[in-house]
Amino acid sequence: MLTARLSDVPAIERIINARRYKTRLANAMALACQKLTESERQLLLWRYENDLSVRQIGELLEINSSKINLLLRQIQHKLRDYIICCLSDEEGMNGRAIAECLQDIVENPYHAVSLLDCIKQCGSKRKPPVADRCLSGGSGLKLVKS
C-alpha cells in the first residue's frame, strides 16, 4: 500500500498537474513557436539560452537596449497569446483550466516542457532566406552571424 506523508502532498499534486497538462502544453508551445519569426526566436535564444544581456544584444544589432527590452516584451506577449489561443482550442480547457496551466508553467518545477527546446526545434526545422531574417517592428535590421 502506497502511503504519502502530508509534506509530500504538494509535490505529488505538482507532478499530477505537470502530467495533466504536458501534452496540451507541449502542442501549444510548439504551435506558438512556429508563429515566431526566425529573428524573434534568435533574440529569445540570445537572451535566455546564451544569457546575453540586453546591452550585449543591442550591441550585436546596433540598436539601443530599450528597443531590445521592448522587442523582448512584445515577443513574450505574442508567445503567451498564441499559447492561450492554442490551449483554448483544446477540449476541456476553459478559462480556469488555462489559468491553472499557465500558473503551473511558471511555478511547477516538475514540468518537462521547455520553451527554449521548442524554440530551438522550431528554428532547426526551417531556415528562411536571409532576406526574411528582419526584426519585427519595422526596424529594417538584419540579424547577422557573429
Protein backbone atom coordinates (compact mmCIF):
# COMPACT_ATOMS: atom_id res chain seq x y z
CA MET A 1 0.00 0.00 0.00
CA LEU A 2 1.33 3.40 -1.01
CA THR A 3 1.21 5.97 1.74
CA ALA A 4 2.15 9.61 1.37
CA ARG A 5 3.34 11.86 4.10
CA LEU A 6 1.50 15.14 4.42
CA SER A 7 4.65 17.02 3.43
CA ASP A 8 4.72 15.09 0.12
CA VAL A 9 1.22 16.04 -0.97
CA PRO A 10 2.11 19.37 -2.62
CA ALA A 11 4.89 17.71 -4.64
CA ILE A 12 2.53 14.91 -5.68
CA GLU A 13 -0.08 17.45 -6.78
CA ARG A 14 2.53 19.35 -8.82
CA ILE A 15 3.62 16.13 -10.54
CA ILE A 16 0.00 15.28 -11.35
CA ASN A 17 -0.62 18.79 -12.74
CA ALA A 18 2.53 18.61 -14.85
CA ARG A 19 1.38 15.29 -16.31
CA ARG A 20 -2.17 16.58 -16.82
CA TYR A 21 -1.05 19.49 -18.96
CA LYS A 22 2.13 18.09 -20.53
CA THR A 23 0.79 17.05 -23.94
CA ARG A 24 -1.52 20.02 -24.36
CA LEU A 25 1.15 22.44 -23.26
CA ALA A 26 3.82 20.89 -25.50
CA ASN A 27 1.49 21.13 -28.51
CA ALA A 28 0.52 24.73 -27.71
CA MET A 29 4.14 25.77 -27.22
CA ALA A 30 5.24 24.12 -30.47
CA LEU A 31 2.48 25.86 -32.42
CA ALA A 32 3.25 29.18 -30.74
CA CYS A 33 6.96 28.89 -31.54
CA GLN A 34 6.11 28.28 -35.20
CA LYS A 35 4.38 31.68 -35.22
CA LEU A 36 7.62 33.43 -34.27
CA THR A 37 9.94 34.72 -36.93
CA GLU A 38 13.49 33.42 -37.11
CA SER A 39 14.76 36.73 -35.70
CA GLU A 40 12.33 36.61 -32.79
CA ARG A 41 13.47 33.08 -31.96
CA GLN A 42 17.11 34.15 -32.23
CA LEU A 43 16.54 37.10 -29.91
CA LEU A 44 14.96 34.83 -27.27
CA LEU A 45 17.79 32.33 -27.58
CA TRP A 46 20.45 35.00 -27.23
CA ARG A 47 18.76 36.37 -24.13
CA TYR A 48 17.65 33.22 -22.32
CA GLU A 49 19.84 30.40 -23.60
CA ASN A 50 23.09 32.26 -24.19
CA ASP A 51 22.35 34.58 -21.26
CA LEU A 52 23.36 37.68 -23.20
CA SER A 53 22.43 40.94 -21.52
CA VAL A 54 20.06 43.35 -23.22
CA ARG A 55 23.05 45.68 -23.68
CA GLN A 56 25.09 42.93 -25.40
CA ILE A 57 22.21 42.11 -27.76
CA GLY A 58 21.81 45.81 -28.51
CA GLU A 59 25.49 46.00 -29.40
CA LEU A 60 25.19 42.97 -31.70
CA LEU A 61 22.24 44.51 -33.52
CA GLU A 62 23.48 48.09 -33.21
CA ILE A 63 20.30 49.35 -31.54
CA ASN A 64 19.75 50.66 -28.02
CA SER A 65 18.85 48.38 -25.14
CA SER A 66 15.45 49.99 -24.56
CA LYS A 67 14.42 48.82 -28.05
CA ILE A 68 15.66 45.30 -27.21
CA ASN A 69 13.61 45.33 -24.00
CA LEU A 70 10.55 46.42 -25.97
CA LEU A 71 11.10 43.69 -28.58
CA LEU A 72 11.53 41.02 -25.89
CA ARG A 73 8.30 42.09 -24.16
CA GLN A 74 6.44 42.05 -27.48
CA ILE A 75 7.72 38.58 -28.30
CA GLN A 76 6.82 37.29 -24.83
CA HIS A 77 3.29 38.69 -25.15
CA LYS A 78 2.99 37.17 -28.61
CA LEU A 79 4.04 33.75 -27.30
CA ARG A 80 1.69 33.97 -24.31
CA ASP A 81 -1.24 34.97 -26.53
CA TYR A 82 -0.57 32.14 -29.01
CA ILE A 83 -0.24 29.59 -26.21
CA ILE A 84 -3.52 30.74 -24.67
CA CYS A 85 -5.21 30.63 -28.07
CA CYS A 86 -3.95 27.10 -28.74
CA LEU A 87 -4.96 25.90 -25.27
CA SER A 88 -8.43 27.40 -25.66
CA ASP A 89 -8.96 25.23 -28.75
CA GLU A 90 -8.33 22.09 -26.68
CA GLU A 91 -11.34 20.17 -25.36
CA GLY A 92 -11.91 20.78 -21.66
CA MET A 93 -9.63 23.81 -21.49
CA ASN A 94 -11.82 26.61 -20.19
CA GLY A 95 -10.52 29.88 -18.76
CA ARG A 96 -9.93 28.40 -15.32
CA ALA A 97 -8.00 25.40 -16.70
CA ILE A 98 -5.89 27.65 -18.91
CA ALA A 99 -5.09 29.95 -15.98
CA GLU A 100 -4.12 26.92 -13.89
CA CYS A 101 -1.95 25.60 -16.73
CA LEU A 102 -0.17 28.95 -17.17
CA GLN A 103 0.41 29.26 -13.44
CA ASP A 104 1.73 25.71 -13.42
CA ILE A 105 4.22 26.54 -16.20
CA VAL A 106 5.71 29.29 -14.08
CA GLU A 107 5.61 27.69 -10.64
CA ASN A 108 5.93 23.95 -11.16
CA PRO A 109 9.49 22.58 -11.12
CA TYR A 110 8.22 19.21 -12.40
CA HIS A 111 7.29 20.46 -15.86
CA ALA A 112 9.17 18.61 -18.58
CA VAL A 113 8.18 21.01 -21.35
CA SER A 114 10.85 23.57 -22.17
CA LEU A 115 10.01 26.65 -24.18
CA LEU A 116 13.67 27.05 -25.15
CA ASP A 117 13.70 23.50 -26.51
CA CYS A 118 10.56 24.28 -28.55
CA ILE A 119 12.20 27.41 -29.94
CA LYS A 120 15.37 25.54 -30.89
CA GLN A 121 13.47 22.66 -32.51
CA CYS A 122 11.25 25.00 -34.47
CA GLY A 123 14.25 27.01 -35.65
CA SER A 124 16.14 23.94 -36.77
CA LYS A 125 13.26 22.73 -38.95
CA ARG A 126 13.04 25.84 -41.09
CA LYS A 127 15.82 28.10 -42.25
CA PRO A 128 14.36 31.15 -44.01
CA PRO A 129 16.22 33.08 -46.67
CA VAL A 130 18.49 35.83 -45.35
CA ALA A 131 16.02 38.50 -46.53
CA ASP A 132 13.38 37.07 -44.16
CA ARG A 133 15.55 37.48 -41.07
CA CYS A 134 14.48 41.04 -40.27
CA LEU A 135 13.42 42.03 -36.78
CA SER A 136 9.73 42.77 -36.48
CA GLY A 137 8.58 46.27 -35.75
CA GLY A 138 9.83 47.78 -38.98
CA SER A 139 13.36 48.32 -37.75
CA GLY A 140 14.78 47.04 -41.04
CA LEU A 141 17.70 45.47 -39.17
CA LYS A 142 19.03 42.11 -40.19
CA LEU A 143 20.44 39.51 -37.86
CA VAL A 144 23.98 38.60 -38.73
CA LYS A 145 26.15 35.76 -37.58
CA SER A 146 28.96 36.79 -35.29
